[in-house]
Structure formats: C-alpha cells, structure tokens
Amino acid sequence: MSYQLCFFISLIWCAGGLNVGLCQPFHCKNDIIILIMMEEISGKELIEVLKSYGVSDASFLASKRVTPDSMVYVFADKKGANYVLYVADYLGGYEDLDMPHDFKFDYGFPYDKISFRAVRVFSYVDKAKKKADGYIDDNHYWTKASTGDVCMLFGADELKI
C-alpha cells in the first residue's frame, strides 16, 4: 500500500519505545510517533472505479478519511441518488452484509465523521478495468485502485457528512 506523509504527521516524544496505538493513552518522553495516512485516489481514477461498477453520471461530493487505512468517497447523480465508495487496504467481511446496513465512522481527530445507510451494494461490470484480481470475490463487489486499496460501492441514503 502507498502512504503519504503530507496529510497528517504527529510528532510526539514518548518513553519506553514506539507506541502506535491511535486510541490508547500513552506517556511521552523520548521516542517519536509518526502517523502515516493512506494515499487518496485521484479524481481521474475515481471515475474509472465508478465506471467499473457501471456508474457514469455521478458527481463527486466529498472524501472523508475515516480510519488510518480507510476512506470513503461520496458521489450523487442528477436524480439525487447517493453513492459511497468505501476504500481500505482490506474489506473482508463486508461482502456478506445484510442490506440495509448502517455505517457510522466517528473515531475522533484526525478522522472525519460520516454516517450512512447502505441500501445496495454494487457488483462490477463484466469488462471492469478496476476489478480486484487475486481476491476471492464471488459477488464481484471489489475493485482495486492503483494505491493497492480495495474498493466497494454502495447505494446510500440517510447520508450525514
């Protein structure tokens, strides 16, 4: 997976070795923690990913960094339908979700809050350029970005960003 340092770097002096726990308390003195966030997908590539799911008329609304290794990208079409592209280094377990399914991301700074209700999960089209080869994906839900991250597209309502 690719990473970029420029989004958020936190330098903290800590005693007793490197502590990477983002939500756990720690005591600071001598070592440095550097928090590295996942790389964002370019606008051009997002269009290719959406086309891999057969969606070509959606407009970009927002991107939200929700955990160190996952992001969501929000789109809407002219008819008002919302799409949420969930992107992470691994998405195991999400292929068996019952629909509708409520997602809520609220892990605090430096991550963004977002919640939505997934009402549909999209399968990629037969000749998808971005399908995630090398994964067991019987439902054809997963595409893959050039960053190495796996993507799933949901139709969504009750979107709060």
Foldseek 3Di string as FASTA:
>chain_A
DDWDQPPDFDWFAAPDDDDADPPDDGHGDHDTDTQIAADDFDPVQVQLVCVQLVDRAWDWDDKWAQDRFKIWTWIAGPVGWIKIKIKGLDDPPPLPDDPQDKDWGDPDPPTDTKIWTFHAKTATDPPRPFFDPPDPDPRRQWGAGPSNIIIIMTTTDPIDD
